[in-house]
Amino acid sequence: MLKFSDQVQAQEQLEKENAQLKARVQELEPMVHGAAEAALPKTVWRFFGKKQA
């Protein structure tokens, strides 16, 4: 069993890593959305364009 102080230390480390990951996700999110929006019209046009033509 871990001592309580070790558990607290491990919990604090996890929370710190979690905060870093969340910050990274917030940095990447606009790029992902931008890429998706840039790709979507082409894909949608390819998909629906043939049916309308």
PDB file of N, CA and C in Angstrom:
ATOM      1  N   MET A   1       0.847  -1.211   0.000  1.00  0.00           N
ATOM      2  CA  MET A   1       0.000   0.000   0.000  1.00  0.00           C
ATOM      3  C   MET A   1       0.875   1.251   0.000  1.00  0.00           C
ATOM      4  N   LEU A   2       0.416   2.226  -0.728  1.00  0.00           N
ATOM      5  CA  LEU A   2       1.093   3.522  -0.709  1.00  0.00           C
ATOM      6  C   LEU A   2       0.764   4.271   0.567  1.00  0.00           C
ATOM      7  N   LYS A   3       1.747   5.007   1.026  1.00  0.00           N
ATOM      8  CA  LYS A   3       1.462   5.892   2.155  1.00  0.00           C
ATOM      9  C   LYS A   3       0.585   7.032   1.647  1.00  0.00           C
ATOM     10  N   PHE A   4      -0.145   7.632   2.568  1.00  0.00           N
ATOM     11  CA  PHE A   4      -1.060   8.701   2.182  1.00  0.00           C
ATOM     12  C   PHE A   4      -0.314   9.837   1.487  1.00  0.00           C
ATOM     13  N   SER A   5       0.857  10.198   2.003  1.00  0.00           N
ATOM     14  CA  SER A   5       1.621  11.294   1.395  1.00  0.00           C
ATOM     15  C   SER A   5       2.024  10.958  -0.040  1.00  0.00           C
ATOM     16  N   ASP A   6       2.340   9.667  -0.289  1.00  0.00           N
ATOM     17  CA  ASP A   6       2.683   9.250  -1.646  1.00  0.00           C
ATOM     18  C   ASP A   6       1.470   9.328  -2.567  1.00  0.00           C
ATOM     19  N   GLN A   7       0.303   8.966  -2.030  1.00  0.00           N
ATOM     20  CA  GLN A   7      -0.930   9.055  -2.822  1.00  0.00           C
ATOM     21  C   GLN A   7      -1.223  10.505  -3.183  1.00  0.00           C
ATOM     22  N   VAL A   8      -1.063  11.397  -2.207  1.00  0.00           N
ATOM     23  CA  VAL A   8      -1.319  12.817  -2.460  1.00  0.00           C
ATOM     24  C   VAL A   8      -0.356  13.344  -3.513  1.00  0.00           C
ATOM     25  N   GLN A   9       0.899  12.956  -3.396  1.00  0.00           N
ATOM     26  CA  GLN A   9       1.914  13.399  -4.362  1.00  0.00           C
ATOM     27  C   GLN A   9       1.579  12.873  -5.766  1.00  0.00           C
ATOM     28  N   ALA A  10       1.176  11.619  -5.852  1.00  0.00           N
ATOM     29  CA  ALA A  10       0.818  11.031  -7.140  1.00  0.00           C
ATOM     30  C   ALA A  10      -0.404  11.737  -7.726  1.00  0.00           C
ATOM     31  N   GLN A  11      -1.378  12.055  -6.874  1.00  0.00           N
ATOM     32  CA  GLN A  11      -2.576  12.750  -7.328  1.00  0.00           C
ATOM     33  C   GLN A  11      -2.224  14.139  -7.867  1.00  0.00           C
ATOM     34  N   GLU A  12      -1.346  14.835  -7.147  1.00  0.00           N
ATOM     35  CA  GLU A  12      -0.934  16.169  -7.598  1.00  0.00           C
ATOM     36  C   GLU A  12      -0.208  16.100  -8.937  1.00  0.00           C
ATOM     37  N   GLN A  13       0.631  15.083  -9.108  1.00  0.00           N
ATOM     38  CA  GLN A  13       1.347  14.889 -10.372  1.00  0.00           C
ATOM     39  C   GLN A  13       0.360  14.631 -11.509  1.00  0.00           C
ATOM     40  N   LEU A  14      -0.635  13.791 -11.268  1.00  0.00           N
ATOM     41  CA  LEU A  14      -1.646  13.503 -12.287  1.00  0.00           C
ATOM     42  C   LEU A  14      -2.423  14.758 -12.652  1.00  0.00           C
ATOM     43  N   GLU A  15      -2.788  15.546 -11.652  1.00  0.00           N
ATOM     44  CA  GLU A  15      -3.541  16.773 -11.925  1.00  0.00           C
ATOM     45  C   GLU A  15      -2.717  17.753 -12.743  1.00  0.00           C
ATOM     46  N   LYS A  16      -1.404  17.822 -12.448  1.00  0.00           N
ATOM     47  CA  LYS A  16      -0.526  18.705 -13.204  1.00  0.00           C
ATOM     48  C   LYS A  16      -0.424  18.250 -14.662  1.00  0.00           C
ATOM     49  N   GLU A  17      -0.240  16.942 -14.847  1.00  0.00           N
ATOM     50  CA  GLU A  17      -0.164  16.403 -16.209  1.00  0.00           C
ATOM     51  C   GLU A  17      -1.474  16.601 -16.949  1.00  0.00           C
ATOM     52  N   ASN A  18      -2.592  16.427 -16.253  1.00  0.00           N
ATOM     53  CA  ASN A  18      -3.907  16.612 -16.847  1.00  0.00           C
ATOM     54  C   ASN A  18      -4.086  18.061 -17.312  1.00  0.00           C
ATOM     55  N   ALA A  19      -3.647  19.007 -16.477  1.00  0.00           N
ATOM     56  CA  ALA A  19      -3.752  20.415 -16.837  1.00  0.00           C
ATOM     57  C   ALA A  19      -2.901  20.722 -18.070  1.00  0.00           C
ATOM     58  N   GLN A  20      -1.718  20.122 -18.151  1.00  0.00           N
ATOM     59  CA  GLN A  20      -0.851  20.329 -19.315  1.00  0.00           C
ATOM     60  C   GLN A  20      -1.495  19.757 -20.576  1.00  0.00           C
ATOM     61  N   LEU A  21      -2.098  18.580 -20.447  1.00  0.00           N
ATOM     62  CA  LEU A  21      -2.757  17.968 -21.598  1.00  0.00           C
ATOM     63  C   LEU A  21      -3.942  18.802 -22.062  1.00  0.00           C
ATOM     64  N   LYS A  22      -4.737  19.307 -21.099  1.00  0.00           N
ATOM     65  CA  LYS A  22      -5.881  20.137 -21.467  1.00  0.00           C
ATOM     66  C   LYS A  22      -5.436  21.391 -22.190  1.00  0.00           C
ATOM     67  N   ALA A  23      -4.338  21.989 -21.733  1.00  0.00           N
ATOM     68  CA  ALA A  23      -3.804  23.180 -22.397  1.00  0.00           C
ATOM     69  C   ALA A  23      -3.372  22.838 -23.821  1.00  0.00           C
ATOM     70  N   ARG A  24      -2.754  21.689 -24.000  1.00  0.00           N
ATOM     71  CA  ARG A  24      -2.316  21.258 -25.330  1.00  0.00           C
ATOM     72  C   ARG A  24      -3.511  21.025 -26.250  1.00  0.00           C
ATOM     73  N   VAL A  25      -4.556  20.415 -25.724  1.00  0.00           N
ATOM     74  CA  VAL A  25      -5.772  20.182 -26.515  1.00  0.00           C
ATOM     75  C   VAL A  25      -6.361  21.515 -26.970  1.00  0.00           C
ATOM     76  N   GLN A  26      -6.388  22.497 -26.082  1.00  0.00           N
ATOM     77  CA  GLN A  26      -6.930  23.808 -26.439  1.00  0.00           C
ATOM     78  C   GLN A  26      -6.095  24.469 -27.525  1.00  0.00           C
ATOM     79  N   GLU A  27      -4.766  24.217 -27.515  1.00  0.00           N
ATOM     80  CA  GLU A  27      -3.906  24.751 -28.576  1.00  0.00           C
ATOM     81  C   GLU A  27      -4.217  24.090 -29.916  1.00  0.00           C
ATOM     82  N   LEU A  28      -4.428  22.774 -29.871  1.00  0.00           N
ATOM     83  CA  LEU A  28      -4.585  22.014 -31.115  1.00  0.00           C
ATOM     84  C   LEU A  28      -5.989  22.100 -31.693  1.00  0.00           C
ATOM     85  N   GLU A  29      -6.981  22.321 -30.839  1.00  0.00           N
ATOM     86  CA  GLU A  29      -8.369  22.277 -31.276  1.00  0.00           C
ATOM     87  C   GLU A  29      -8.664  23.189 -32.468  1.00  0.00           C
ATOM     88  N   PRO A  30      -8.244  24.463 -32.437  1.00  0.00           N
ATOM     89  CA  PRO A  30      -8.539  25.324 -33.603  1.00  0.00           C
ATOM     90  C   PRO A  30      -7.941  24.791 -34.898  1.00  0.00           C
ATOM     91  N   MET A  31      -6.744  24.196 -34.810  1.00  0.00           N
ATOM     92  CA  MET A  31      -6.112  23.630 -36.006  1.00  0.00           C
ATOM     93  C   MET A  31      -6.926  22.466 -36.533  1.00  0.00           C
ATOM     94  N   VAL A  32      -7.388  21.617 -35.629  1.00  0.00           N
ATOM     95  CA  VAL A  32      -8.182  20.454 -36.033  1.00  0.00           C
ATOM     96  C   VAL A  32      -9.489  20.917 -36.672  1.00  0.00           C
ATOM     97  N   HIS A  33     -10.150  21.885 -36.039  1.00  0.00           N
ATOM     98  CA  HIS A  33     -11.399  22.402 -36.598  1.00  0.00           C
ATOM     99  C   HIS A  33     -11.155  23.054 -37.951  1.00  0.00           C
ATOM    100  N   GLY A  34     -10.071  23.818 -38.045  1.00  0.00           N
ATOM    101  CA  GLY A  34      -9.733  24.470 -39.314  1.00  0.00           C
ATOM    102  C   GLY A  34      -9.515  23.458 -40.420  1.00  0.00           C
ATOM    103  N   ALA A  35      -8.774  22.401 -40.099  1.00  0.00           N
ATOM    104  CA  ALA A  35      -8.492  21.361 -41.085  1.00  0.00           C
ATOM    105  C   ALA A  35      -9.776  20.647 -41.487  1.00  0.00           C
ATOM    106  N   ALA A  36     -10.636  20.383 -40.496  1.00  0.00           N
ATOM    107  CA  ALA A  36     -11.893  19.702 -40.792  1.00  0.00           C
ATOM    108  C   ALA A  36     -12.781  20.569 -41.672  1.00  0.00           C
ATOM    109  N   GLU A  37     -12.861  21.860 -41.362  1.00  0.00           N
ATOM    110  CA  GLU A  37     -13.693  22.756 -42.162  1.00  0.00           C
ATOM    111  C   GLU A  37     -13.140  22.914 -43.569  1.00  0.00           C
ATOM    112  N   ALA A  38     -11.823  22.918 -43.695  1.00  0.00           N
ATOM    113  CA  ALA A  38     -11.206  23.036 -45.019  1.00  0.00           C
ATOM    114  C   ALA A  38     -11.463  21.787 -45.850  1.00  0.00           C
ATOM    115  N   ALA A  39     -11.451  20.628 -45.213  1.00  0.00           N
ATOM    116  CA  ALA A  39     -11.613  19.371 -45.930  1.00  0.00           C
ATOM    117  C   ALA A  39     -13.078  19.062 -46.206  1.00  0.00           C
ATOM    118  N   LEU A  40     -13.953  19.503 -45.320  1.00  0.00           N
ATOM    119  CA  LEU A  40     -15.353  19.110 -45.410  1.00  0.00           C
ATOM    120  C   LEU A  40     -16.030  19.528 -46.715  1.00  0.00           C
ATOM    121  N   PRO A  41     -15.949  20.779 -47.139  1.00  0.00           N
ATOM    122  CA  PRO A  41     -16.664  21.158 -48.364  1.00  0.00           C
ATOM    123  C   PRO A  41     -16.275  20.301 -49.568  1.00  0.00           C
ATOM    124  N   LYS A  42     -14.978  20.005 -49.714  1.00  0.00           N
ATOM    125  CA  LYS A  42     -14.536  19.164 -50.829  1.00  0.00           C
ATOM    126  C   LYS A  42     -15.176  17.790 -50.743  1.00  0.00           C
ATOM    127  N   THR A  43     -15.163  17.210 -49.558  1.00  0.00           N
ATOM    128  CA  THR A  43     -15.716  15.874 -49.370  1.00  0.00           C
ATOM    129  C   THR A  43     -17.217  15.881 -49.617  1.00  0.00           C
ATOM    130  N   VAL A  44     -17.885  16.885 -49.053  1.00  0.00           N
ATOM    131  CA  VAL A  44     -19.338  16.983 -49.218  1.00  0.00           C
ATOM    132  C   VAL A  44     -19.672  17.195 -50.691  1.00  0.00           C
ATOM    133  N   TRP A  45     -18.918  18.053 -51.358  1.00  0.00           N
ATOM    134  CA  TRP A  45     -19.172  18.323 -52.770  1.00  0.00           C
ATOM    135  C   TRP A  45     -18.963  17.057 -53.593  1.00  0.00           C
ATOM    136  N   ARG A  46     -17.913  16.311 -53.285  1.00  0.00           N
ATOM    137  CA  ARG A  46     -17.637  15.070 -53.989  1.00  0.00           C
ATOM    138  C   ARG A  46     -18.771  14.075 -53.771  1.00  0.00           C
ATOM    139  N   PHE A  47     -19.276  14.065 -52.533  1.00  0.00           N
ATOM    140  CA  PHE A  47     -20.287  13.094 -52.160  1.00  0.00           C
ATOM    141  C   PHE A  47     -21.648  13.451 -52.759  1.00  0.00           C
ATOM    142  N   PHE A  48     -22.045  14.725 -52.617  1.00  0.00           N
ATOM    143  CA  PHE A  48     -23.373  15.137 -53.060  1.00  0.00           C
ATOM    144  C   PHE A  48     -23.380  15.673 -54.486  1.00  0.00           C
ATOM    145  N   GLY A  49     -22.250  16.185 -54.944  1.00  0.00           N
ATOM    146  CA  GLY A  49     -22.169  16.784 -56.277  1.00  0.00           C
ATOM    147  C   GLY A  49     -22.544  15.801 -57.367  1.00  0.00           C
ATOM    148  N   LYS A  50     -22.102  14.559 -57.227  1.00  0.00           N
ATOM    149  CA  LYS A  50     -22.382  13.552 -58.244  1.00  0.00           C
ATOM    150  C   LYS A  50     -23.867  13.226 -58.296  1.00  0.00           C
ATOM    151  N   LYS A  51     -24.526  13.211 -57.135  1.00  0.00           N
ATOM    152  CA  LYS A  51     -25.945  12.858 -57.092  1.00  0.00           C
ATOM    153  C   LYS A  51     -26.802  13.952 -57.732  1.00  0.00           C
ATOM    154  N   GLN A  52     -26.368  15.218 -57.566  1.00  0.00           N
ATOM    155  CA  GLN A  52     -27.154  16.316 -58.127  1.00  0.00           C
ATOM    156  C   GLN A  52     -26.945  16.439 -59.628  1.00  0.00           C
ATOM    157  N   ALA A  53     -25.761  16.128 -60.108  1.00  0.00           N
ATOM    158  CA  ALA A  53     -25.419  16.327 -61.517  1.00  0.00           C
ATOM    159  C   ALA A  53     -26.164  15.351 -62.423  1.00  0.00           C
TER     160      ALA A  53
END
